[in-house]
N, C-alpha and C. Protein backbone atom coordinates (compact mmCIF):
# COMPACT_ATOMS: atom_id res chain seq x y z
N MET A 1 8.97 0.79 10.01
CA MET A 1 9.91 1.04 10.89
C MET A 1 9.58 0.96 12.30
N ALA A 2 8.49 1.14 12.62
CA ALA A 2 8.31 1.10 14.05
C ALA A 2 8.03 -0.33 14.60
N ARG A 3 8.25 -1.46 14.01
CA ARG A 3 8.49 -2.81 14.42
C ARG A 3 10.04 -2.99 14.81
N ASN A 4 10.82 -2.47 14.08
CA ASN A 4 12.23 -2.51 14.08
C ASN A 4 12.85 -1.56 15.03
N GLU A 5 12.43 -0.60 15.29
CA GLU A 5 12.98 0.56 16.03
C GLU A 5 12.19 1.13 17.25
N LYS A 6 12.61 1.06 18.47
CA LYS A 6 11.88 1.87 19.45
C LYS A 6 12.00 3.46 19.40
N GLY A 7 13.24 3.92 18.94
CA GLY A 7 13.27 5.21 18.66
C GLY A 7 12.43 5.91 17.62
N SER A 8 12.64 7.29 17.71
CA SER A 8 11.88 8.05 16.64
C SER A 8 12.98 8.27 15.39
N THR A 9 12.18 8.18 14.20
CA THR A 9 12.97 8.33 12.90
C THR A 9 12.59 9.62 12.73
N PHE A 10 13.89 10.26 11.94
CA PHE A 10 14.19 11.73 11.63
C PHE A 10 14.57 11.56 10.17
N GLU A 11 14.01 12.70 9.47
CA GLU A 11 14.50 12.79 7.92
C GLU A 11 15.29 14.01 7.96
N LEU A 12 16.65 13.69 7.48
CA LEU A 12 17.45 14.78 7.35
C LEU A 12 17.80 15.26 5.69
N PRO A 13 17.97 16.41 5.44
CA PRO A 13 18.67 16.77 4.08
C PRO A 13 19.97 16.49 4.02
N PHE A 14 20.56 15.58 3.03
CA PHE A 14 21.94 15.30 3.14
C PHE A 14 22.51 15.76 1.67
N ILE A 15 23.76 16.56 1.83
CA ILE A 15 24.43 17.35 0.58
C ILE A 15 25.61 16.11 0.37
N ASN A 16 25.46 15.59 -0.82
CA ASN A 16 26.47 14.72 -1.37
C ASN A 16 27.70 15.60 -2.23
N HIS A 17 28.49 15.83 -1.63
CA HIS A 17 29.53 16.50 -1.92
C HIS A 17 30.21 16.02 -3.47
N TYR A 18 30.38 14.72 -3.24
CA TYR A 18 30.98 14.09 -4.78
C TYR A 18 30.19 14.31 -5.68
N ASP A 19 28.63 14.26 -5.93
CA ASP A 19 27.76 14.51 -6.80
C ASP A 19 27.88 16.08 -7.02
N GLU A 20 27.98 16.83 -6.18
CA GLU A 20 27.91 18.22 -6.16
C GLU A 20 29.09 18.70 -7.14
N GLU A 21 30.26 18.17 -7.20
CA GLU A 21 31.53 18.40 -7.83
C GLU A 21 31.35 18.06 -9.06
N LYS A 22 30.53 16.96 -9.33
CA LYS A 22 30.18 16.53 -10.76
C LYS A 22 29.14 17.28 -11.53
N THR A 23 28.25 17.96 -10.92
CA THR A 23 27.08 18.74 -11.51
C THR A 23 27.30 20.04 -10.94
N ALA A 24 26.71 20.99 -11.68
CA ALA A 24 26.88 22.42 -11.30
C ALA A 24 25.81 22.77 -10.20
N GLY A 25 24.70 22.00 -9.86
CA GLY A 25 23.69 22.24 -9.05
C GLY A 25 24.11 21.30 -7.71
N SER A 26 23.26 21.55 -6.57
CA SER A 26 23.39 20.89 -5.60
C SER A 26 22.82 19.64 -5.46
N ALA A 27 23.52 18.56 -5.22
CA ALA A 27 22.79 17.27 -4.98
C ALA A 27 22.32 16.98 -3.58
N VAL A 28 21.09 17.33 -3.33
CA VAL A 28 20.54 17.24 -2.14
C VAL A 28 19.69 15.75 -2.02
N SER A 29 20.07 14.86 -1.14
CA SER A 29 19.45 13.58 -0.80
C SER A 29 18.71 13.55 0.31
N LYS A 30 18.24 12.48 0.66
CA LYS A 30 17.63 12.52 2.24
C LYS A 30 18.15 11.38 2.77
N LYS A 31 18.45 11.57 4.25
CA LYS A 31 18.99 10.45 4.89
C LYS A 31 18.05 10.32 6.04
N PHE A 32 17.85 9.27 6.50
CA PHE A 32 16.97 8.78 7.83
C PHE A 32 17.80 8.26 8.81
N ILE A 33 17.47 8.81 9.94
CA ILE A 33 18.21 8.38 11.25
C ILE A 33 17.00 8.08 12.19
N THR A 34 17.55 7.05 13.45
CA THR A 34 16.96 6.93 14.58
C THR A 34 17.54 7.17 15.78
N LEU A 35 16.85 7.89 16.76
CA LEU A 35 17.63 8.19 18.04
C LEU A 35 17.02 7.34 18.97
N ASN A 36 17.90 6.64 19.75
CA ASN A 36 17.48 5.92 20.67
C ASN A 36 18.30 5.91 21.99
N GLN A 37 17.63 5.89 23.28
CA GLN A 37 18.55 6.09 24.55
C GLN A 37 18.64 4.76 25.11
N VAL A 38 19.60 4.32 25.56
CA VAL A 38 20.11 3.09 26.18
C VAL A 38 20.74 3.41 27.48
N ASN A 39 20.39 2.77 28.68
CA ASN A 39 20.93 2.87 30.01
C ASN A 39 22.00 1.89 29.88
N VAL A 40 23.47 2.58 30.36
CA VAL A 40 24.53 1.83 30.42
C VAL A 40 25.00 1.79 31.74
N ASN A 41 26.14 0.80 32.28
CA ASN A 41 26.90 1.03 33.35
C ASN A 41 28.12 1.35 33.03
N VAL A 42 28.64 2.56 33.37
CA VAL A 42 30.04 3.23 33.08
C VAL A 42 30.62 3.30 34.33
N THR A 43 31.69 2.58 34.65
CA THR A 43 32.67 2.66 35.89
C THR A 43 31.44 2.60 37.35
N GLY A 44 30.67 1.93 37.16
CA GLY A 44 29.99 1.38 38.38
C GLY A 44 28.52 2.46 38.64
N SER A 45 28.55 3.60 37.69
CA SER A 45 27.31 4.41 37.79
C SER A 45 26.43 4.19 36.49
N LYS A 46 25.23 4.50 36.67
CA LYS A 46 24.21 4.29 35.36
C LYS A 46 24.31 5.59 34.79
N ASP A 47 24.46 5.36 33.46
CA ASP A 47 24.59 6.65 32.57
C ASP A 47 23.47 6.38 31.50
N LYS A 48 23.05 7.12 30.64
CA LYS A 48 22.32 6.97 29.54
C LYS A 48 22.96 7.52 28.19
N LEU A 49 22.96 6.76 27.13
CA LEU A 49 23.93 6.71 25.93
C LEU A 49 22.97 6.84 25.03
N LEU A 50 22.88 7.83 24.05
CA LEU A 50 22.06 8.08 22.72
C LEU A 50 22.82 7.59 21.76
N ILE A 51 22.19 6.87 20.85
CA ILE A 51 22.54 5.87 19.90
C ILE A 51 21.84 6.71 18.37
N ILE A 52 22.65 7.17 17.64
CA ILE A 52 22.03 7.53 16.46
C ILE A 52 22.51 6.32 15.25
N ARG A 53 21.37 5.90 14.76
CA ARG A 53 21.82 4.81 13.65
C ARG A 53 21.07 5.49 12.33
N ASP A 54 21.96 5.18 11.32
CA ASP A 54 21.35 5.78 9.90
C ASP A 54 20.62 4.51 9.31
N VAL A 55 19.06 4.52 9.41
CA VAL A 55 18.34 3.72 8.76
C VAL A 55 17.75 4.06 7.23
N SER A 56 18.56 4.75 6.59
CA SER A 56 18.03 5.22 5.22
C SER A 56 17.97 3.98 4.35
N HIS A 57 18.63 3.07 4.28
CA HIS A 57 18.57 1.76 3.77
C HIS A 57 17.36 0.94 4.07
N ILE A 58 16.81 0.98 5.20
CA ILE A 58 15.62 0.37 5.32
C ILE A 58 14.42 1.03 4.81
N ILE A 59 14.38 2.39 5.14
CA ILE A 59 13.32 3.31 4.60
C ILE A 59 13.15 3.12 3.09
N PHE A 60 14.46 3.14 2.37
CA PHE A 60 14.36 3.08 0.83
C PHE A 60 13.94 1.65 0.43
N LEU A 61 14.13 0.57 1.26
CA LEU A 61 13.78 -0.61 0.79
C LEU A 61 12.35 -0.84 1.11
N GLU A 62 11.76 -0.06 2.07
CA GLU A 62 10.21 -0.27 2.11
C GLU A 62 9.78 0.71 1.33
N GLN A 63 10.09 1.61 0.72
CA GLN A 63 9.34 2.43 -0.44
C GLN A 63 9.65 1.72 -1.63
N ILE A 64 10.92 0.66 -1.90
CA ILE A 64 10.85 -0.01 -3.06
C ILE A 64 9.59 -1.11 -2.86
N MET A 65 9.53 -1.71 -1.83
CA MET A 65 8.63 -2.77 -1.62
C MET A 65 7.07 -2.14 -1.79
N GLU A 66 6.84 -0.86 -1.46
CA GLU A 66 5.50 -0.49 -1.67
C GLU A 66 5.37 -0.03 -3.12
N THR A 67 6.30 0.39 -3.81
CA THR A 67 6.51 0.71 -5.14
C THR A 67 6.05 -0.81 -6.07
N LYS A 68 6.84 -1.68 -5.58
CA LYS A 68 6.60 -3.00 -6.23
C LYS A 68 5.12 -3.59 -6.01
N HIS A 69 4.66 -3.35 -4.71
CA HIS A 69 3.21 -3.64 -4.69
C HIS A 69 2.21 -2.98 -5.30
N GLN A 70 2.46 -1.83 -5.66
CA GLN A 70 1.67 -0.76 -6.41
C GLN A 70 1.80 -1.17 -7.88
N MET A 71 2.83 -1.48 -8.31
CA MET A 71 3.25 -2.02 -9.93
C MET A 71 2.45 -3.53 -9.95
N SER A 72 2.55 -4.19 -8.93
CA SER A 72 1.70 -5.53 -9.20
C SER A 72 0.17 -5.30 -9.40
N ILE A 73 -0.44 -4.41 -8.39
CA ILE A 73 -1.72 -4.21 -8.43
C ILE A 73 -2.03 -3.83 -9.82
N PHE A 74 -1.16 -2.73 -10.50
CA PHE A 74 -1.25 -2.03 -11.88
C PHE A 74 -1.62 -3.26 -12.73
N THR A 75 -0.38 -4.18 -12.68
CA THR A 75 -0.32 -5.19 -13.74
C THR A 75 -1.48 -6.17 -13.77
N ASP A 76 -1.95 -6.51 -12.45
CA ASP A 76 -3.02 -7.24 -12.49
C ASP A 76 -4.21 -6.52 -13.09
N ASN A 77 -4.60 -5.47 -12.82
CA ASN A 77 -5.62 -4.84 -13.32
C ASN A 77 -5.57 -4.71 -14.61
N LEU A 78 -4.28 -4.57 -15.51
CA LEU A 78 -4.26 -4.21 -16.83
C LEU A 78 -4.28 -5.92 -17.40
N MET A 79 -3.84 -6.85 -16.78
CA MET A 79 -3.89 -8.18 -17.21
C MET A 79 -5.66 -8.49 -17.34
N LYS A 80 -6.45 -8.03 -16.64
CA LYS A 80 -7.76 -8.26 -16.33
C LYS A 80 -8.45 -7.48 -17.51
N GLN A 81 -7.96 -6.21 -17.79
CA GLN A 81 -8.68 -5.55 -18.89
C GLN A 81 -8.36 -6.17 -20.37
N ILE A 82 -7.08 -6.62 -20.37
CA ILE A 82 -6.59 -7.08 -21.70
C ILE A 82 -7.40 -8.44 -22.09
N GLN A 83 -7.61 -9.32 -20.75
CA GLN A 83 -8.29 -10.37 -20.64
C GLN A 83 -9.79 -10.13 -21.19
N GLY A 84 -10.45 -9.34 -20.70
CA GLY A 84 -11.86 -8.79 -20.98
C GLY A 84 -11.77 -8.38 -22.53
N TYR A 85 -10.88 -7.98 -23.21
CA TYR A 85 -11.08 -7.23 -24.49
C TYR A 85 -10.90 -8.39 -25.49
N ALA A 86 -9.92 -9.42 -24.82
CA ALA A 86 -9.53 -10.67 -25.62
C ALA A 86 -10.93 -11.67 -25.73
N GLU A 87 -11.34 -11.70 -24.65
CA GLU A 87 -12.65 -12.45 -24.58
C GLU A 87 -13.68 -12.02 -25.61
N PHE A 88 -14.00 -10.65 -25.46
CA PHE A 88 -14.92 -10.07 -26.20
C PHE A 88 -14.79 -10.17 -27.85
N THR A 89 -13.32 -10.17 -27.94
CA THR A 89 -12.78 -10.03 -29.58
C THR A 89 -13.07 -11.77 -29.90
N SER A 90 -12.81 -12.59 -29.01
CA SER A 90 -12.88 -14.06 -29.39
C SER A 90 -14.25 -14.21 -29.92
N SER A 91 -15.36 -13.96 -28.84
CA SER A 91 -16.71 -14.17 -29.07
C SER A 91 -17.10 -13.34 -30.58
N ASN A 92 -16.73 -12.33 -30.57
CA ASN A 92 -17.00 -11.60 -31.87
C ASN A 92 -16.52 -12.29 -33.05
N LEU A 93 -14.95 -12.83 -33.19
CA LEU A 93 -14.78 -13.60 -33.99
C LEU A 93 -15.74 -14.78 -34.49
N GLN A 94 -16.14 -15.47 -33.18
CA GLN A 94 -16.79 -16.70 -33.51
C GLN A 94 -18.10 -16.22 -34.35
N LYS A 95 -18.66 -15.31 -33.80
CA LYS A 95 -20.17 -14.77 -34.33
C LYS A 95 -19.85 -14.43 -35.87
N LEU A 96 -18.76 -13.78 -36.07
CA LEU A 96 -18.45 -13.67 -37.58
C LEU A 96 -18.16 -14.50 -38.53
N ASP A 97 -17.91 -15.75 -37.84
CA ASP A 97 -17.28 -16.86 -38.76
C ASP A 97 -18.28 -17.45 -39.91
N LYS A 98 -19.45 -17.35 -39.63
CA LYS A 98 -20.40 -17.71 -40.46
C LYS A 98 -20.67 -16.86 -41.77
N TYR A 99 -19.95 -15.60 -41.49
CA TYR A 99 -20.01 -14.54 -42.61
C TYR A 99 -18.79 -14.67 -43.34
N VAL A 100 -17.90 -15.33 -43.32
CA VAL A 100 -16.58 -15.16 -43.83
C VAL A 100 -16.62 -16.39 -44.88
N ASP A 101 -16.28 -15.96 -46.06
CA ASP A 101 -16.08 -17.01 -47.20
C ASP A 101 -15.09 -17.85 -47.04
N HIS A 102 -14.78 -18.68 -47.97
CA HIS A 102 -13.67 -19.82 -47.89
C HIS A 102 -12.32 -19.12 -48.32
N ASN A 103 -12.31 -17.93 -48.96
CA ASN A 103 -11.04 -17.29 -48.92
C ASN A 103 -10.65 -16.66 -47.84
N GLY A 104 -11.30 -16.22 -46.99
CA GLY A 104 -11.02 -15.43 -45.71
C GLY A 104 -11.27 -16.65 -44.32
N LYS A 105 -11.37 -17.76 -44.77
CA LYS A 105 -11.36 -18.58 -43.48
C LYS A 105 -10.02 -18.87 -43.00
N PRO A 106 -8.98 -18.90 -43.54
CA PRO A 106 -7.60 -19.41 -43.29
C PRO A 106 -7.10 -17.96 -42.02
N LEU A 107 -7.30 -16.87 -42.55
CA LEU A 107 -7.27 -15.48 -41.92
C LEU A 107 -7.85 -15.49 -40.61
N ALA A 108 -9.39 -15.80 -40.74
CA ALA A 108 -10.11 -15.66 -39.44
C ALA A 108 -9.73 -16.65 -38.68
N GLU A 109 -9.42 -18.00 -39.07
CA GLU A 109 -8.96 -18.89 -38.08
C GLU A 109 -7.67 -18.75 -37.49
N GLU A 110 -6.57 -18.24 -38.15
CA GLU A 110 -5.50 -17.83 -37.67
C GLU A 110 -5.68 -16.50 -36.67
N SER A 111 -6.42 -15.74 -36.82
CA SER A 111 -6.84 -14.71 -35.82
C SER A 111 -7.59 -15.24 -34.57
N TYR A 112 -8.56 -15.76 -34.82
CA TYR A 112 -8.97 -16.58 -33.60
C TYR A 112 -7.91 -17.59 -32.55
N ASP A 113 -7.17 -17.98 -33.42
CA ASP A 113 -6.03 -18.88 -32.57
C ASP A 113 -5.21 -17.98 -32.06
N GLU A 114 -4.72 -16.85 -32.61
CA GLU A 114 -3.76 -15.88 -31.91
C GLU A 114 -4.68 -15.45 -30.68
N ILE A 115 -5.89 -15.08 -30.80
CA ILE A 115 -6.54 -14.55 -29.63
C ILE A 115 -6.52 -15.54 -28.54
N ASN A 116 -6.87 -16.82 -28.78
CA ASN A 116 -7.02 -17.93 -27.75
C ASN A 116 -5.42 -18.00 -27.27
N LYS A 117 -4.23 -17.97 -28.21
CA LYS A 117 -3.10 -18.22 -27.58
C LYS A 117 -2.88 -17.02 -26.39
N MET A 118 -3.26 -15.91 -26.79
CA MET A 118 -3.03 -14.49 -25.76
C MET A 118 -4.05 -14.93 -24.51
N LEU A 119 -5.34 -15.66 -24.67
CA LEU A 119 -5.95 -15.89 -23.54
C LEU A 119 -5.24 -16.95 -22.46
N TYR A 120 -4.56 -17.96 -23.47
CA TYR A 120 -3.90 -19.03 -22.65
C TYR A 120 -2.71 -18.21 -21.92
N ARG A 121 -2.06 -17.31 -22.49
CA ARG A 121 -1.06 -16.65 -21.83
C ARG A 121 -1.30 -15.82 -20.59
N ILE A 122 -2.36 -15.36 -20.80
CA ILE A 122 -3.02 -14.71 -19.57
C ILE A 122 -3.43 -15.53 -18.25
N LYS A 123 -4.03 -16.57 -18.78
CA LYS A 123 -4.14 -17.47 -17.88
C LYS A 123 -2.95 -18.03 -17.03
N ASP A 124 -1.99 -18.23 -17.85
CA ASP A 124 -0.68 -18.75 -17.28
C ASP A 124 -0.23 -17.63 -16.45
N PHE A 125 -0.16 -16.41 -16.77
CA PHE A 125 0.22 -15.23 -15.96
C PHE A 125 -0.17 -15.31 -14.54
N GLU A 126 -1.62 -15.53 -14.63
CA GLU A 126 -2.37 -15.52 -13.23
C GLU A 126 -1.91 -16.77 -12.27
């Protein structure tokens, strides 16, 4: 906000009467405004004009972008954990391959192929 506005940003409680009529409780939300002072020329004399601007949409967009960033970090960490578990499982399946008889080979190979597919999907995600 500081980059876009020189004035101070204030948070105000806002009662939405339309929502209040629909529900029994009071619907209080937040509004954000900025107060700026501008020098103007009015009939040959200099005066100061106070400008009040609703910047709630900008604040809400910043909050959404911050949430999106946090979710991206969470998703990346989750994918790294899944990749670690999949690599561990893949290596264990390879080690167990010599102990599997001919009846279990197709199932073991299918399981190994599925783990490899998941690892390739994770690499595509990155």
